[in-house]
Every structure is written in C-alpha cells, then in structure tokens.
Amino acid sequence: MGIINTSRAAQYHWQETCDGWPLVAQPGLSVKQERMPPGTSEERHFHARARQFFYVLSGVLCIEVGGEMFHLSAQDGIEIAPNTPHQARNDSESDLEFLVISAPGTQDDRVAADAAPQR
C-alpha cells in the first residue's frame, strides 16, 4: 500500500496509440487512468459482471451507452450498468484523460458488441 500515480503505475498500451495505468487492480475493484489521443476510439463492447464509472479528468469524452450518445467534460462522470454496450471516443483535437472504475474488475469480462447504432 502507498501512493500510486501514473509515474509509479505500470503503463500499458491499447488501440495502438492509447495509454492506461492501473491504479488499483483487485478482483473486486479496478481503477484505471486512461489517455486517448484525438481521433481515437475503443471497440464497442459490454461487461457481463462489471459495473463501470467513467470520470473525465481533462478533455471531452464522447461515449455511446446503450445507443445514446453523451459528451462529458472535465469533472463529469457516467455510470454504466453490466450488460450495457458502450464505446468511448475522443472526437476532439486534444488528449482525453479519464478514470474508469470497475466493480468487480473487468479481467476476462469484456464481450464485443454489435456495431454502434446509426445516429
């Protein structure tokens, strides 16, 4: 136990240019800080067990949740229930940084969802 931050956490890469740092990694709880450069997105997916909370630190998070689009700015958050398809995107021209808190953790609990609904 001790102080944790992105300088001390093990950095990982996803979707080629996005970064993440596991701040808490326990079976019942996961807290990650993630960074998405401009124009990036994740695969649309859902979690069968995990409930998630996304909290924006900087930038603008465009996130589709169950067919509805939300735009979150710094200090905005959104909760995502289990079995709810979602997709995070950064449509802006600046980096996006956010926390994603999952309970329980999402290891082995990620299922690809159908393509995003038409807008």
PDB file of N, CA and C in Angstrom:
ATOM      1  N   MET A   1       0.853  -1.177   0.000  1.00  0.00           N
ATOM      2  CA  MET A   1       0.000   0.000   0.000  1.00  0.00           C
ATOM      3  C   MET A   1       0.896   1.236   0.000  1.00  0.00           C
ATOM      4  N   GLY A   2       0.451   2.278  -0.593  1.00  0.00           N
ATOM      5  CA  GLY A   2       1.213   3.514  -0.646  1.00  0.00           C
ATOM      6  C   GLY A   2       0.647   4.416  -1.725  1.00  0.00           C
ATOM      7  N   ILE A   3       1.350   5.482  -1.989  1.00  0.00           N
ATOM      8  CA  ILE A   3       0.901   6.438  -3.003  1.00  0.00           C
ATOM      9  C   ILE A   3       1.039   5.815  -4.385  1.00  0.00           C
ATOM     10  N   ILE A   4       0.010   5.985  -5.201  1.00  0.00           N
ATOM     11  CA  ILE A   4       0.040   5.487  -6.581  1.00  0.00           C
ATOM     12  C   ILE A   4      -0.331   6.630  -7.520  1.00  0.00           C
ATOM     13  N   ASN A   5       0.335   6.681  -8.646  1.00  0.00           N
ATOM     14  CA  ASN A   5       0.045   7.670  -9.686  1.00  0.00           C
ATOM     15  C   ASN A   5       0.575   7.128 -11.005  1.00  0.00           C
ATOM     16  N   THR A   6       0.419   7.881 -12.074  1.00  0.00           N
ATOM     17  CA  THR A   6       0.841   7.380 -13.387  1.00  0.00           C
ATOM     18  C   THR A   6       2.355   7.231 -13.492  1.00  0.00           C
ATOM     19  N   SER A   7       3.110   7.905 -12.652  1.00  0.00           N
ATOM     20  CA  SER A   7       4.568   7.737 -12.662  1.00  0.00           C
ATOM     21  C   SER A   7       4.987   6.423 -12.010  1.00  0.00           C
ATOM     22  N   ARG A   8       4.176   5.927 -11.085  1.00  0.00           N
ATOM     23  CA  ARG A   8       4.518   4.707 -10.347  1.00  0.00           C
ATOM     24  C   ARG A   8       3.805   3.467 -10.876  1.00  0.00           C
ATOM     25  N   ALA A   9       2.703   3.642 -11.573  1.00  0.00           N
ATOM     26  CA  ALA A   9       1.932   2.502 -12.079  1.00  0.00           C
ATOM     27  C   ALA A   9       2.547   1.976 -13.376  1.00  0.00           C
ATOM     28  N   ALA A  10       2.332   0.708 -13.654  1.00  0.00           N
ATOM     29  CA  ALA A  10       2.823   0.095 -14.890  1.00  0.00           C
ATOM     30  C   ALA A  10       1.967   0.564 -16.063  1.00  0.00           C
ATOM     31  N   GLN A  11       2.574   1.210 -17.023  1.00  0.00           N
ATOM     32  CA  GLN A  11       1.841   1.733 -18.185  1.00  0.00           C
ATOM     33  C   GLN A  11       1.544   0.598 -19.164  1.00  0.00           C
ATOM     34  N   TYR A  12       0.353   0.621 -19.756  1.00  0.00           N
ATOM     35  CA  TYR A  12       0.015  -0.318 -20.828  1.00  0.00           C
ATOM     36  C   TYR A  12      -0.523   0.481 -22.007  1.00  0.00           C
ATOM     37  N   HIS A  13      -0.501  -0.147 -23.172  1.00  0.00           N
ATOM     38  CA  HIS A  13      -0.980   0.496 -24.401  1.00  0.00           C
ATOM     39  C   HIS A  13      -2.158  -0.297 -24.946  1.00  0.00           C
ATOM     40  N   TRP A  14      -3.117   0.413 -25.536  1.00  0.00           N
ATOM     41  CA  TRP A  14      -4.265  -0.242 -26.159  1.00  0.00           C
ATOM     42  C   TRP A  14      -4.688   0.563 -27.385  1.00  0.00           C
ATOM     43  N   GLN A  15      -5.370  -0.098 -28.322  1.00  0.00           N
ATOM     44  CA  GLN A  15      -5.790   0.533 -29.582  1.00  0.00           C
ATOM     45  C   GLN A  15      -4.627   1.297 -30.224  1.00  0.00           C
ATOM     46  N   GLU A  16      -3.439   0.761 -30.154  1.00  0.00           N
ATOM     47  CA  GLU A  16      -2.219   1.275 -30.772  1.00  0.00           C
ATOM     48  C   GLU A  16      -1.676   2.560 -30.155  1.00  0.00           C
ATOM     49  N   THR A  17      -2.506   3.593 -29.958  1.00  0.00           N
ATOM     50  CA  THR A  17      -1.971   4.883 -29.503  1.00  0.00           C
ATOM     51  C   THR A  17      -2.525   5.346 -28.161  1.00  0.00           C
ATOM     52  N   CYS A  18      -3.383   4.556 -27.538  1.00  0.00           N
ATOM     53  CA  CYS A  18      -3.959   4.934 -26.246  1.00  0.00           C
ATOM     54  C   CYS A  18      -3.123   4.322 -25.118  1.00  0.00           C
ATOM     55  N   ASP A  19      -3.156   4.966 -23.952  1.00  0.00           N
ATOM     56  CA  ASP A  19      -2.370   4.517 -22.809  1.00  0.00           C
ATOM     57  C   ASP A  19      -3.262   4.336 -21.592  1.00  0.00           C
ATOM     58  N   GLY A  20      -2.815   3.486 -20.683  1.00  0.00           N
ATOM     59  CA  GLY A  20      -3.522   3.303 -19.432  1.00  0.00           C
ATOM     60  C   GLY A  20      -2.565   2.979 -18.309  1.00  0.00           C
ATOM     61  N   TRP A  21      -3.026   3.230 -17.095  1.00  0.00           N
ATOM     62  CA  TRP A  21      -2.252   2.968 -15.893  1.00  0.00           C
ATOM     63  C   TRP A  21      -3.181   2.352 -14.852  1.00  0.00           C
ATOM     64  N   PRO A  22      -2.943   1.106 -14.432  1.00  0.00           N
ATOM     65  CA  PRO A  22      -3.772   0.510 -13.378  1.00  0.00           C
ATOM     66  C   PRO A  22      -3.385   1.095 -12.021  1.00  0.00           C
ATOM     67  N   LEU A  23      -4.299   1.825 -11.426  1.00  0.00           N
ATOM     68  CA  LEU A  23      -4.047   2.450 -10.126  1.00  0.00           C
ATOM     69  C   LEU A  23      -4.461   1.539  -8.979  1.00  0.00           C
ATOM     70  N   VAL A  24      -5.528   0.773  -9.190  1.00  0.00           N
ATOM     71  CA  VAL A  24      -5.975  -0.265  -8.252  1.00  0.00           C
ATOM     72  C   VAL A  24      -6.334  -1.472  -9.096  1.00  0.00           C
ATOM     73  N   ALA A  25      -5.793  -2.630  -8.752  1.00  0.00           N
ATOM     74  CA  ALA A  25      -6.075  -3.853  -9.512  1.00  0.00           C
ATOM     75  C   ALA A  25      -6.351  -4.986  -8.531  1.00  0.00           C
ATOM     76  N   GLN A  26      -7.595  -5.084  -8.110  1.00  0.00           N
ATOM     77  CA  GLN A  26      -8.040  -6.127  -7.197  1.00  0.00           C
ATOM     78  C   GLN A  26      -9.177  -6.886  -7.876  1.00  0.00           C
ATOM     79  N   PRO A  27      -9.421  -8.138  -7.505  1.00  0.00           N
ATOM     80  CA  PRO A  27     -10.512  -8.877  -8.146  1.00  0.00           C
ATOM     81  C   PRO A  27     -11.867  -8.167  -8.042  1.00  0.00           C
ATOM     82  N   GLY A  28     -12.123  -7.495  -6.930  1.00  0.00           N
ATOM     83  CA  GLY A  28     -13.412  -6.842  -6.745  1.00  0.00           C
ATOM     84  C   GLY A  28     -13.473  -5.397  -7.178  1.00  0.00           C
ATOM     85  N   LEU A  29     -12.327  -4.813  -7.533  1.00  0.00           N
ATOM     86  CA  LEU A  29     -12.290  -3.388  -7.872  1.00  0.00           C
ATOM     87  C   LEU A  29     -11.096  -3.089  -8.769  1.00  0.00           C
ATOM     88  N   SER A  30     -11.364  -2.330  -9.822  1.00  0.00           N
ATOM     89  CA  SER A  30     -10.311  -1.874 -10.725  1.00  0.00           C
ATOM     90  C   SER A  30     -10.458  -0.369 -10.911  1.00  0.00           C
ATOM     91  N   VAL A  31      -9.351   0.354 -10.773  1.00  0.00           N
ATOM     92  CA  VAL A  31      -9.325   1.789 -11.057  1.00  0.00           C
ATOM     93  C   VAL A  31      -8.178   2.014 -12.032  1.00  0.00           C
ATOM     94  N   LYS A  32      -8.511   2.543 -13.198  1.00  0.00           N
ATOM     95  CA  LYS A  32      -7.504   2.813 -14.226  1.00  0.00           C
ATOM     96  C   LYS A  32      -7.589   4.269 -14.650  1.00  0.00           C
ATOM     97  N   GLN A  33      -6.436   4.857 -14.915  1.00  0.00           N
ATOM     98  CA  GLN A  33      -6.401   6.159 -15.578  1.00  0.00           C
ATOM     99  C   GLN A  33      -6.021   5.873 -17.021  1.00  0.00           C
ATOM    100  N   GLU A  34      -6.777   6.446 -17.960  1.00  0.00           N
ATOM    101  CA  GLU A  34      -6.507   6.202 -19.368  1.00  0.00           C
ATOM    102  C   GLU A  34      -6.396   7.512 -20.126  1.00  0.00           C
ATOM    103  N   ARG A  35      -5.621   7.456 -21.223  1.00  0.00           N
ATOM    104  CA  ARG A  35      -5.425   8.614 -22.093  1.00  0.00           C
ATOM    105  C   ARG A  35      -5.726   8.193 -23.519  1.00  0.00           C
ATOM    106  N   MET A  36      -6.573   8.995 -24.181  1.00  0.00           N
ATOM    107  CA  MET A  36      -6.909   8.759 -25.584  1.00  0.00           C
ATOM    108  C   MET A  36      -6.512   9.991 -26.393  1.00  0.00           C
ATOM    109  N   PRO A  37      -5.627   9.833 -27.367  1.00  0.00           N
ATOM    110  CA  PRO A  37      -5.288  10.955 -28.238  1.00  0.00           C
ATOM    111  C   PRO A  37      -6.484  11.340 -29.114  1.00  0.00           C
ATOM    112  N   PRO A  38      -6.423  12.493 -29.747  1.00  0.00           N
ATOM    113  CA  PRO A  38      -7.506  12.924 -30.643  1.00  0.00           C
ATOM    114  C   PRO A  38      -7.787  11.875 -31.728  1.00  0.00           C
ATOM    115  N   GLY A  39      -9.069  11.701 -32.029  1.00  0.00           N
ATOM    116  CA  GLY A  39      -9.483  10.823 -33.120  1.00  0.00           C
ATOM    117  C   GLY A  39      -9.437   9.339 -32.825  1.00  0.00           C
ATOM    118  N   THR A  40      -9.308   8.940 -31.563  1.00  0.00           N
ATOM    119  CA  THR A  40      -9.240   7.516 -31.229  1.00  0.00           C
ATOM    120  C   THR A  40     -10.559   7.035 -30.626  1.00  0.00           C
ATOM    121  N   SER A  41     -10.750   5.716 -30.676  1.00  0.00           N
ATOM    122  CA  SER A  41     -11.946   5.113 -30.082  1.00  0.00           C
ATOM    123  C   SER A  41     -11.618   3.684 -29.682  1.00  0.00           C
ATOM    124  N   GLU A  42     -12.459   3.146 -28.815  1.00  0.00           N
ATOM    125  CA  GLU A  42     -12.318   1.749 -28.433  1.00  0.00           C
ATOM    126  C   GLU A  42     -13.378   0.939 -29.165  1.00  0.00           C
ATOM    127  N   GLU A  43     -13.218  -0.379 -29.143  1.00  0.00           N
ATOM    128  CA  GLU A  43     -14.218  -1.266 -29.719  1.00  0.00           C
ATOM    129  C   GLU A  43     -15.490  -1.210 -28.864  1.00  0.00           C
ATOM    130  N   ARG A  44     -16.646  -1.214 -29.513  1.00  0.00           N
ATOM    131  CA  ARG A  44     -17.916  -1.248 -28.777  1.00  0.00           C
ATOM    132  C   ARG A  44     -18.013  -2.608 -28.089  1.00  0.00           C
ATOM    133  N   HIS A  45     -18.346  -2.599 -26.801  1.00  0.00           N
ATOM    134  CA  HIS A  45     -18.346  -3.822 -26.015  1.00  0.00           C
ATOM    135  C   HIS A  45     -19.255  -3.673 -24.797  1.00  0.00           C
ATOM    136  N   PHE A  46     -19.359  -4.762 -24.028  1.00  0.00           N
ATOM    137  CA  PHE A  46     -20.051  -4.701 -22.742  1.00  0.00           C
ATOM    138  C   PHE A  46     -19.344  -5.640 -21.775  1.00  0.00           C
ATOM    139  N   HIS A  47     -19.695  -5.509 -20.517  1.00  0.00           N
ATOM    140  CA  HIS A  47     -19.152  -6.366 -19.463  1.00  0.00           C
ATOM    141  C   HIS A  47     -20.326  -7.093 -18.813  1.00  0.00           C
ATOM    142  N   ALA A  48     -20.225  -8.414 -18.717  1.00  0.00           N
ATOM    143  CA  ALA A  48     -21.322  -9.209 -18.164  1.00  0.00           C
ATOM    144  C   ALA A  48     -21.465  -9.014 -16.657  1.00  0.00           C
ATOM    145  N   ARG A  49     -20.356  -8.802 -15.958  1.00  0.00           N
ATOM    146  CA  ARG A  49     -20.401  -8.694 -14.498  1.00  0.00           C
ATOM    147  C   ARG A  49     -20.119  -7.289 -13.976  1.00  0.00           C
ATOM    148  N   ALA A  50     -19.221  -6.582 -14.613  1.00  0.00           N
ATOM    149  CA  ALA A  50     -18.724  -5.319 -14.046  1.00  0.00           C
ATOM    150  C   ALA A  50     -19.670  -4.142 -14.274  1.00  0.00           C
ATOM    151  N   ARG A  51     -19.817  -3.346 -13.246  1.00  0.00           N
ATOM    152  CA  ARG A  51     -20.444  -2.026 -13.321  1.00  0.00           C
ATOM    153  C   ARG A  51     -19.289  -1.043 -13.410  1.00  0.00           C
ATOM    154  N   GLN A  52     -19.389  -0.058 -14.310  1.00  0.00           N
ATOM    155  CA  GLN A  52     -18.289   0.884 -14.504  1.00  0.00           C
ATOM    156  C   GLN A  52     -18.732   2.319 -14.273  1.00  0.00           C
ATOM    157  N   PHE A  53     -17.750   3.135 -13.901  1.00  0.00           N
ATOM    158  CA  PHE A  53     -17.953   4.571 -13.771  1.00  0.00           C
ATOM    159  C   PHE A  53     -16.783   5.261 -14.460  1.00  0.00           C
ATOM    160  N   PHE A  54     -17.092   6.070 -15.466  1.00  0.00           N
ATOM    161  CA  PHE A  54     -16.097   6.863 -16.187  1.00  0.00           C
ATOM    162  C   PHE A  54     -16.132   8.279 -15.626  1.00  0.00           C
ATOM    163  N   TYR A  55     -14.959   8.828 -15.295  1.00  0.00           N
ATOM    164  CA  TYR A  55     -14.854  10.172 -14.735  1.00  0.00           C
ATOM    165  C   TYR A  55     -13.776  10.931 -15.499  1.00  0.00           C
ATOM    166  N   VAL A  56     -14.160  12.034 -16.148  1.00  0.00           N
ATOM    167  CA  VAL A  56     -13.246  12.778 -17.012  1.00  0.00           C
ATOM    168  C   VAL A  56     -12.350  13.696 -16.184  1.00  0.00           C
ATOM    169  N   LEU A  57     -11.047  13.582 -16.407  1.00  0.00           N
ATOM    170  CA  LEU A  57     -10.056  14.452 -15.766  1.00  0.00           C
ATOM    171  C   LEU A  57      -9.761  15.667 -16.638  1.00  0.00           C
ATOM    172  N   SER A  58      -9.603  15.449 -17.945  1.00  0.00           N
ATOM    173  CA  SER A  58      -9.369  16.548 -18.887  1.00  0.00           C
ATOM    174  C   SER A  58      -9.792  16.108 -20.280  1.00  0.00           C
ATOM    175  N   GLY A  59     -10.198  17.080 -21.089  1.00  0.00           N
ATOM    176  CA  GLY A  59     -10.666  16.783 -22.438  1.00  0.00           C
ATOM    177  C   GLY A  59     -12.159  16.534 -22.461  1.00  0.00           C
ATOM    178  N   VAL A  60     -12.624  15.974 -23.574  1.00  0.00           N
ATOM    179  CA  VAL A  60     -14.047  15.679 -23.759  1.00  0.00           C
ATOM    180  C   VAL A  60     -14.192  14.215 -24.162  1.00  0.00           C
ATOM    181  N   LEU A  61     -14.944  13.469 -23.373  1.00  0.00           N
ATOM    182  CA  LEU A  61     -15.238  12.069 -23.656  1.00  0.00           C
ATOM    183  C   LEU A  61     -16.567  11.984 -24.384  1.00  0.00           C
ATOM    184  N   CYS A  62     -16.553  11.432 -25.592  1.00  0.00           N
ATOM    185  CA  CYS A  62     -17.783  11.107 -26.314  1.00  0.00           C
ATOM    186  C   CYS A  62     -17.998   9.619 -26.066  1.00  0.00           C
ATOM    187  N   ILE A  63     -19.099   9.270 -25.449  1.00  0.00           N
ATOM    188  CA  ILE A  63     -19.331   7.870 -25.125  1.00  0.00           C
ATOM    189  C   ILE A  63     -20.755   7.488 -25.484  1.00  0.00           C
ATOM    190  N   GLU A  64     -20.851   6.426 -26.264  1.00  0.00           N
ATOM    191  CA  GLU A  64     -22.154   5.873 -26.628  1.00  0.00           C
ATOM    192  C   GLU A  64     -22.464   4.786 -25.607  1.00  0.00           C
ATOM    193  N   VAL A  65     -23.621   4.895 -24.972  1.00  0.00           N
ATOM    194  CA  VAL A  65     -24.037   3.946 -23.947  1.00  0.00           C
ATOM    195  C   VAL A  65     -25.433   3.459 -24.298  1.00  0.00           C
ATOM    196  N   GLY A  66     -25.552   2.186 -24.637  1.00  0.00           N
ATOM    197  CA  GLY A  66     -26.851   1.613 -24.946  1.00  0.00           C
ATOM    198  C   GLY A  66     -27.593   2.340 -26.050  1.00  0.00           C
ATOM    199  N   GLY A  67     -26.866   2.874 -27.027  1.00  0.00           N
ATOM    200  CA  GLY A  67     -27.483   3.549 -28.164  1.00  0.00           C
ATOM    201  C   GLY A  67     -27.653   5.046 -28.002  1.00  0.00           C
ATOM    202  N   GLU A  68     -27.304   5.596 -26.839  1.00  0.00           N
ATOM    203  CA  GLU A  68     -27.424   7.038 -26.604  1.00  0.00           C
ATOM    204  C   GLU A  68     -26.032   7.655 -26.481  1.00  0.00           C
ATOM    205  N   MET A  69     -25.815   8.814 -27.121  1.00  0.00           N
ATOM    206  CA  MET A  69     -24.516   9.481 -27.104  1.00  0.00           C
ATOM    207  C   MET A  69     -24.465  10.528 -25.998  1.00  0.00           C
ATOM    208  N   PHE A  70     -23.360  10.542 -25.262  1.00  0.00           N
ATOM    209  CA  PHE A  70     -23.117  11.517 -24.203  1.00  0.00           C
ATOM    210  C   PHE A  70     -21.778  12.193 -24.457  1.00  0.00           C
ATOM    211  N   HIS A  71     -21.683  13.474 -24.091  1.00  0.00           N
ATOM    212  CA  HIS A  71     -20.434  14.232 -24.183  1.00  0.00           C
ATOM    213  C   HIS A  71     -20.103  14.727 -22.779  1.00  0.00           C
ATOM    214  N   LEU A  72     -19.004  14.239 -22.227  1.00  0.00           N
ATOM    215  CA  LEU A  72     -18.610  14.568 -20.860  1.00  0.00           C
ATOM    216  C   LEU A  72     -17.351  15.420 -20.877  1.00  0.00           C
ATOM    217  N   SER A  73     -17.352  16.465 -20.068  1.00  0.00           N
ATOM    218  CA  SER A  73     -16.195  17.343 -19.904  1.00  0.00           C
ATOM    219  C   SER A  73     -15.536  17.059 -18.562  1.00  0.00           C
ATOM    220  N   ALA A  74     -14.453  17.773 -18.267  1.00  0.00           N
ATOM    221  CA  ALA A  74     -13.738  17.588 -17.004  1.00  0.00           C
ATOM    222  C   ALA A  74     -14.701  17.703 -15.825  1.00  0.00           C
ATOM    223  N   GLN A  75     -14.577  16.775 -14.897  1.00  0.00           N
ATOM    224  CA  GLN A  75     -15.374  16.652 -13.686  1.00  0.00           C
ATOM    225  C   GLN A  75     -16.776  16.106 -13.930  1.00  0.00           C
ATOM    226  N   ASP A  76     -17.046  15.608 -15.138  1.00  0.00           N
ATOM    227  CA  ASP A  76     -18.297  14.900 -15.422  1.00  0.00           C
ATOM    228  C   ASP A  76     -18.031  13.400 -15.338  1.00  0.00           C
ATOM    229  N   GLY A  77     -19.051  12.642 -14.941  1.00  0.00           N
ATOM    230  CA  GLY A  77     -18.935  11.197 -14.879  1.00  0.00           C
ATOM    231  C   GLY A  77     -20.194  10.529 -15.380  1.00  0.00           C
ATOM    232  N   ILE A  78     -20.074   9.242 -15.707  1.00  0.00           N
ATOM    233  CA  ILE A  78     -21.231   8.469 -16.151  1.00  0.00           C
ATOM    234  C   ILE A  78     -21.066   7.029 -15.677  1.00  0.00           C
ATOM    235  N   GLU A  79     -22.157   6.455 -15.188  1.00  0.00           N
ATOM    236  CA  GLU A  79     -22.175   5.069 -14.718  1.00  0.00           C
ATOM    237  C   GLU A  79     -22.719   4.178 -15.822  1.00  0.00           C
ATOM    238  N   ILE A  80     -22.123   3.002 -15.964  1.00  0.00           N
ATOM    239  CA  ILE A  80     -22.554   2.044 -16.980  1.00  0.00           C
ATOM    240  C   ILE A  80     -22.845   0.718 -16.287  1.00  0.00           C
ATOM    241  N   ALA A  81     -24.083   0.265 -16.404  1.00  0.00           N
ATOM    242  CA  ALA A  81     -24.511  -0.977 -15.765  1.00  0.00           C
ATOM    243  C   ALA A  81     -23.959  -2.187 -16.519  1.00  0.00           C
ATOM    244  N   PRO A  82     -23.850  -3.331 -15.837  1.00  0.00           N
ATOM    245  CA  PRO A  82     -23.431  -4.547 -16.534  1.00  0.00           C
ATOM    246  C   PRO A  82     -24.350  -4.834 -17.723  1.00  0.00           C
ATOM    247  N   ASN A  83     -23.810  -5.497 -18.730  1.00  0.00           N
ATOM    248  CA  ASN A  83     -24.533  -5.903 -19.942  1.00  0.00           C
ATOM    249  C   ASN A  83     -24.995  -4.737 -20.804  1.00  0.00           C
ATOM    250  N   THR A  84     -24.438  -3.549 -20.599  1.00  0.00           N
ATOM    251  CA  THR A  84     -24.808  -2.380 -21.400  1.00  0.00           C
ATOM    252  C   THR A  84     -23.704  -2.096 -22.415  1.00  0.00           C
ATOM    253  N   PRO A  85     -23.993  -2.241 -23.707  1.00  0.00           N
ATOM    254  CA  PRO A  85     -22.977  -1.935 -24.719  1.00  0.00           C
ATOM    255  C   PRO A  85     -22.565  -0.467 -24.640  1.00  0.00           C
ATOM    256  N   HIS A  86     -21.266  -0.232 -24.818  1.00  0.00           N
ATOM    257  CA  HIS A  86     -20.755   1.137 -24.775  1.00  0.00           C
ATOM    258  C   HIS A  86     -19.479   1.243 -25.601  1.00  0.00           C
ATOM    259  N   GLN A  87     -19.157   2.488 -25.977  1.00  0.00           N
ATOM    260  CA  GLN A  87     -17.949   2.762 -26.755  1.00  0.00           C
ATOM    261  C   GLN A  87     -17.469   4.169 -26.440  1.00  0.00           C
ATOM    262  N   ALA A  88     -16.234   4.282 -25.959  1.00  0.00           N
ATOM    263  CA  ALA A  88     -15.618   5.581 -25.668  1.00  0.00           C
ATOM    264  C   ALA A  88     -14.875   6.070 -26.900  1.00  0.00           C
ATOM    265  N   ARG A  89     -14.966   7.396 -27.145  1.00  0.00           N
ATOM    266  CA  ARG A  89     -14.284   8.014 -28.284  1.00  0.00           C
ATOM    267  C   ARG A  89     -13.740   9.366 -27.862  1.00  0.00           C
ATOM    268  N   ASN A  90     -12.699   9.783 -28.573  1.00  0.00           N
ATOM    269  CA  ASN A  90     -12.199  11.146 -28.432  1.00  0.00           C
ATOM    270  C   ASN A  90     -12.324  11.805 -29.797  1.00  0.00           C
ATOM    271  N   ASP A  91     -13.390  12.561 -29.983  1.00  0.00           N
ATOM    272  CA  ASP A  91     -13.643  13.248 -31.250  1.00  0.00           C
ATOM    273  C   ASP A  91     -13.021  14.639 -31.283  1.00  0.00           C
ATOM    274  N   SER A  92     -12.351  15.028 -30.208  1.00  0.00           N
ATOM    275  CA  SER A  92     -11.808  16.386 -30.112  1.00  0.00           C
ATOM    276  C   SER A  92     -10.402  16.454 -30.718  1.00  0.00           C
ATOM    277  N   GLU A  93      -9.806  17.627 -30.619  1.00  0.00           N
ATOM    278  CA  GLU A  93      -8.448  17.838 -31.119  1.00  0.00           C
ATOM    279  C   GLU A  93      -7.423  17.866 -29.987  1.00  0.00           C
ATOM    280  N   SER A  94      -7.844  17.476 -28.778  1.00  0.00           N
ATOM    281  CA  SER A  94      -6.957  17.455 -27.609  1.00  0.00           C
ATOM    282  C   SER A  94      -6.984  16.075 -26.971  1.00  0.00           C
ATOM    283  N   ASP A  95      -5.940  15.756 -26.210  1.00  0.00           N
ATOM    284  CA  ASP A  95      -5.925  14.496 -25.471  1.00  0.00           C
ATOM    285  C   ASP A  95      -7.093  14.448 -24.489  1.00  0.00           C
ATOM    286  N   LEU A  96      -7.576  13.251 -24.251  1.00  0.00           N
ATOM    287  CA  LEU A  96      -8.628  12.978 -23.276  1.00  0.00           C
ATOM    288  C   LEU A  96      -8.013  12.124 -22.176  1.00  0.00           C
ATOM    289  N   GLU A  97      -8.202  12.510 -20.916  1.00  0.00           N
ATOM    290  CA  GLU A  97      -7.758  11.700 -19.786  1.00  0.00           C
ATOM    291  C   GLU A  97      -8.943  11.469 -18.859  1.00  0.00           C
ATOM    292  N   PHE A  98      -9.088  10.225 -18.411  1.00  0.00           N
ATOM    293  CA  PHE A  98     -10.227   9.885 -17.566  1.00  0.00           C
ATOM    294  C   PHE A  98      -9.868   8.719 -16.658  1.00  0.00           C
ATOM    295  N   LEU A  99     -10.683   8.554 -15.621  1.00  0.00           N
ATOM    296  CA  LEU A  99     -10.619   7.379 -14.763  1.00  0.00           C
ATOM    297  C   LEU A  99     -11.747   6.450 -15.159  1.00  0.00           C
ATOM    298  N   VAL A 100     -11.479   5.154 -15.143  1.00  0.00           N
ATOM    299  CA  VAL A 100     -12.543   4.170 -15.303  1.00  0.00           C
ATOM    300  C   VAL A 100     -12.454   3.234 -14.097  1.00  0.00           C
ATOM    301  N   ILE A 101     -13.546   3.220 -13.338  1.00  0.00           N
ATOM    302  CA  ILE A 101     -13.628   2.443 -12.106  1.00  0.00           C
ATOM    303  C   ILE A 101     -14.598   1.295 -12.366  1.00  0.00           C
ATOM    304  N   SER A 102     -14.161   0.077 -12.101  1.00  0.00           N
ATOM    305  CA  SER A 102     -14.968  -1.102 -12.398  1.00  0.00           C
ATOM    306  C   SER A 102     -15.083  -1.981 -11.163  1.00  0.00           C
ATOM    307  N   ALA A 103     -16.309  -2.455 -10.889  1.00  0.00           N
ATOM    308  CA  ALA A 103     -16.533  -3.370  -9.777  1.00  0.00           C
ATOM    309  C   ALA A 103     -17.511  -4.453 -10.219  1.00  0.00           C
ATOM    310  N   PRO A 104     -17.121  -5.726 -10.160  1.00  0.00           N
ATOM    311  CA  PRO A 104     -15.749  -6.156  -9.928  1.00  0.00           C
ATOM    312  C   PRO A 104     -14.855  -5.760 -11.101  1.00  0.00           C
ATOM    313  N   GLY A 105     -13.588  -6.129 -11.050  1.00  0.00           N
ATOM    314  CA  GLY A 105     -12.664  -5.821 -12.143  1.00  0.00           C
ATOM    315  C   GLY A 105     -13.134  -6.440 -13.458  1.00  0.00           C
ATOM    316  N   THR A 106     -12.588  -5.966 -14.561  1.00  0.00           N
ATOM    317  CA  THR A 106     -13.062  -6.395 -15.888  1.00  0.00           C
ATOM    318  C   THR A 106     -12.209  -7.481 -16.532  1.00  0.00           C
ATOM    319  N   GLN A 107     -11.224  -8.013 -15.827  1.00  0.00           N
ATOM    320  CA  GLN A 107     -10.401  -9.065 -16.425  1.00  0.00           C
ATOM    321  C   GLN A 107     -11.281 -10.246 -16.815  1.00  0.00           C
ATOM    322  N   ASP A 108     -11.156 -10.697 -18.055  1.00  0.00           N
ATOM    323  CA  ASP A 108     -11.950 -11.801 -18.616  1.00  0.00           C
ATOM    324  C   ASP A 108     -13.444 -11.498 -18.617  1.00  0.00           C
ATOM    325  N   ASP A 109     -13.816 -10.226 -18.658  1.00  0.00           N
ATOM    326  CA  ASP A 109     -15.232  -9.822 -18.656  1.00  0.00           C
ATOM    327  C   ASP A 109     -15.470  -8.724 -19.695  1.00  0.00           C
ATOM    328  N   ARG A 110     -15.011  -8.959 -20.908  1.00  0.00           N
ATOM    329  CA  ARG A 110     -15.210  -7.988 -21.987  1.00  0.00           C
ATOM    330  C   ARG A 110     -15.739  -8.753 -23.189  1.00  0.00           C
ATOM    331  N   VAL A 111     -16.924  -8.358 -23.663  1.00  0.00           N
ATOM    332  CA  VAL A 111     -17.576  -9.035 -24.776  1.00  0.00           C
ATOM    333  C   VAL A 111     -17.807  -8.021 -25.884  1.00  0.00           C
ATOM    334  N   ALA A 112     -17.324  -8.322 -27.085  1.00  0.00           N
ATOM    335  CA  ALA A 112     -17.539  -7.420 -28.221  1.00  0.00           C
ATOM    336  C   ALA A 112     -19.033  -7.310 -28.497  1.00  0.00           C
ATOM    337  N   ALA A 113     -19.485  -6.091 -28.756  1.00  0.00           N
ATOM    338  CA  ALA A 113     -20.899  -5.840 -29.063  1.00  0.00           C
ATOM    339  C   ALA A 113     -21.042  -5.600 -30.561  1.00  0.00           C
ATOM    340  N   ASP A 114     -22.266  -5.645 -31.038  1.00  0.00           N
ATOM    341  CA  ASP A 114     -22.531  -5.335 -32.441  1.00  0.00           C
ATOM    342  C   ASP A 114     -22.063  -3.931 -32.740  1.00  0.00           C
ATOM    343  N   ALA A 115     -21.992  -3.609 -34.002  1.00  0.00           N
ATOM    344  CA  ALA A 115     -21.598  -2.261 -34.427  1.00  0.00           C
ATOM    345  C   ALA A 115     -22.501  -1.223 -33.776  1.00  0.00           C
ATOM    346  N   ALA A 116     -21.943  -0.040 -33.585  1.00  0.00           N
ATOM    347  CA  ALA A 116     -22.700   1.053 -32.958  1.00  0.00           C
ATOM    348  C   ALA A 116     -23.958   1.348 -33.757  1.00  0.00           C
ATOM    349  N   PRO A 117     -25.043   1.686 -33.079  1.00  0.00           N
ATOM    350  CA  PRO A 117     -26.284   2.016 -33.781  1.00  0.00           C
ATOM    351  C   PRO A 117     -26.119   3.267 -34.633  1.00  0.00           C
ATOM    352  N   GLN A 118     -26.913   3.359 -35.676  1.00  0.00           N
ATOM    353  CA  GLN A 118     -26.885   4.527 -36.563  1.00  0.00           C
ATOM    354  C   GLN A 118     -27.413   5.739 -35.824  1.00  0.00           C
ATOM    355  N   ARG A 119     -26.774   6.899 -36.080  1.00  0.00           N
ATOM    356  CA  ARG A 119     -27.220   8.144 -35.444  1.00  0.00           C
ATOM    357  C   ARG A 119     -28.037   8.937 -36.414  1.00  0.00           C
TER     358      ARG A 119
END
